[in-house]
Amino acid sequence: MDIRDIDWSEVWKEHMRLYNEVNGSSEKVDIWESKESARRYWEMSRNKGAARVEQTLKEIELTPDSRVLDIGAGPGALAIPISERVREVVAVEPSDGMMSVLEENIDAMNIDNIKCIHKSWEDVGPEEIGDDFDVVIASYSLSVPDIRDAFEKIQAVSSGHVYVYWFAGETSWDEQYRAIWPALHGEEYHSSPKCNIMYNVLYDMGIYPNMNVFPLERSMTFSSLDEAVQHYIPHYRAYTPEKLQILREYLGVILPQNEDGSILHLGETTRVRMWWDNSKNSNLGNNSQ
């Protein structure tokens, strides 16, 4: 087949179908449904992840008059510090746990310029989010069944810069899932689609984004193996007693415990930032950054 005949949007859909499939049935699992997990993610972003958050803020063009859309805002790791620098932030977040922590953080910090929308990007309507956003951010949040549709919706509401963060190559957790998935589910593990497919979808849409690739360490801290197991149950979809035991034994091997029983789970990944500027009435990326 000529590469020019490949429908990259369909390639993404098939990768996502395989990624979400478990025992022959497709389901969308909310791995951040637990408020405890969402709170842990928030604390990580404020501590070990603080440097990366600050770097991300430096990469985004913000002004005091900016209107910002944060797709998949999580507990507010970006939305909250951004709100201190701009006129308005609209935070779209589907997860119950993440949205709960985000709203608690907004109340605790007396923030009055973040509008929260508790929906997925696929389900939110244009009348709910508005349009003419100066900045649109999707930070590792476009795990959607139809990536072209997601990008078209972004283009419809954007009048300025768009920043998309995603994964380049296999992640450390892809390797771990692949090792245990057959024992858990009796089938091969399929990782999520990566940035190469995402880029080709944008290219087919006439959008030629700037790109830069960077390493990022991912870490999670747990007080015990039991806490780590509880956190990873939805990630590995280990919902039966038999699968839970397999998961516990596996994590006990790959997650070394400190003397006090606590665990620091580290993983190195390669990430990509893609960005383009819609304010110039051009789909070409702006290389000024």
Foldseek 3Di string as FASTA:
>chain_A
DPPVPDDLQVVQLVLLQQQQDFLRDGDDFQLQQDLVLLVLVLVCLVPVVVVVLVVVVVVDDAAQAFEEEEAQCFLPSNPVVNLVGYQAYEYEHQHNNRVVNNVVVCVVVVRDRYHYDHHHLVPDDCVVVPAAGQEYEYEQRPSDSGLLVSVVVVVRRYQWKYKYKWFDDDWPVQVVLQVCVCVQGVDGRRDRDGVVSVQVSCVVVQAHWDKDKDKDKDKGKFQALVRVLVSCCSVNVQDDPVSSVSSSVSCPVQWDADPSRMTMDMIMGMMMMTMATNNVVHSYRDPPD
